[in-house]
Amino acid sequence: MMRREITSVASLREGLPSASRSSRRGLGRRIPLLLFAATICFALTVLLRRSNTKEAVAGAADLEAADQRLLKVLVKTKEAIQQETPLEDIAAFADRAKVLMELDEFGSKLNETYPRLNASTKALYSRSVYHHHQQLLQSLYPYINKNPQMPRTLSGLRARYTVPRGIIVPVGNDQFIYAVHLLATIVHTHGVNFPIHVVYAGNDDLVPEKRAALRSISPNIDTVDILNYFDEELVGIHGGGWAIKVFAILASPFQEVIIADADAVFVQNPEVMFDDPGYNATGTLFFRDREIFPGDGQVHEWFHGVMKGREPSAQLASSRWWTDMASREEMESGVVVFDKRRTSVVYGLLYAGWLNTRVVREEVTYKNTYGDKESFWMAFELCGLPYHLDREYAGIIGQLTHTDTKSHSIDTFIQSDHLFHLDHKGRPLWWNGSLFQEKRVKDR
């Protein structure tokens, strides 16, 4: 038997700052990285006894490889926690988020990548990865905590996702009449029988009488106050608004989730979206906005600057929004679909949530884009995660306009603000704007 001394990374937890309110933007104590690396080398030692066999040699090789890789990841983690990122540098923030994903990948694939490590060493590595993952998660996304004194873990957040499928409809008092039609159509016309959550933001956002009326449409409908889930000081969604969507998605118990604006009108069962090949490939389904306002370039100039030095994904590289500024908006967020069983999707949503937190959206995101809509695909793009946008830009649906034409003639000109979308087979699927000719003028 030979005795070998192996350096462990587990004691790094002593060198990392704990997440607190003061670290909300990812700030940590400044500890020089050379000292940090020296701490790693001086850390807790593990004495392993191995027989001098081929298996022992292979195990030693696995151990050395795992040590080297984890050391690199933890150095990156330390940098990510200590880095002072300007708020407007959302690409640098995304790079820090990628380190979080790298930690997760190392831990989740430990058995697969290093099968010859013994159980005690794997347990040691797993504890170290878990601890540092939690440190970085809290540094990047403190908004996920309802109570800062009881920080959530990623596994704790995902443990809520126990219901196979569901629909979310954010509704405030002003959207009540739209929601009645949408919910009745989904349940009674299309026969959807899985849970539907009507989400609101505070008792005054959707009054109790209207909540009760919506619940009366079907026993599958429940009403949920999103303010019960996240740090309101950071997310700032009391009273509703665009930003409510991503937080409703993250908080919901649904593994596969459709979120629809209250004024959406489905002409098919919305479940067909779960069969979309792009959704099944990526765990996301986004719909394009109208191709209007070409060359309205502030958002394009801004995002090209954000992407400087980064290779656009195949999805972005093929987009007319990216290549020739064909439209001011790329995405319509009236309906979006996510598969939260996929780790990549949850990480993309966490970053999209950060883009929609109060300070970030007021100072960066909504200053450069129109509301929340672009934050979804931009989050996945910047984090290097796969996502799917449907092929075609949105169409319109409305009435023929020229009233002086003969009754038997057809006028091909339509003026409307109702966006119209097709499914992956080219069939009519949904539009927004409810049934009003102009939803802002309720008597038309």
Foldseek 3Di string as FASTA:
>chain_A
DDKDKDQAQLVLLVVWDAFAPVLQQLATDDDDLVVSLVCSRVDDIDIDDDDPDPLVVLLVVLVVVLRVVVSVLVSLLRCRNHDDDDLQLLLSLLVSLLSLVVLVVCLVCVCVSRVSHDPVNNVSSNNSSQSSSQRSCSSNFVFQDLDRVDGDGPVRLLVLQDFAEEEEEEDFPVLLVLLQVALLCLCVVQNDDAAYEHEYADCNRHPPVSQVVNCVSDVRYHYYHLNNGTHCVWQVQHNHDQLVVLSCVSNHNYQKYKYAYSQKDWPHNVVVQCVAPQCVVAQKEFEFAAQDDAPPPQLQVSVVVSCVPHDFDPQQVPDCCNPRRRHQTTTDVRIMIGRNVDPLRSSLSSSLSNCNIDVNCVVHVVVNHPGSGVSNVVSCRSNVGDYDYADDHWDADADQPDPPDDPPDDHPDDDQPKTWDAGNVRHTTMIGQHPDRHNVDPVD
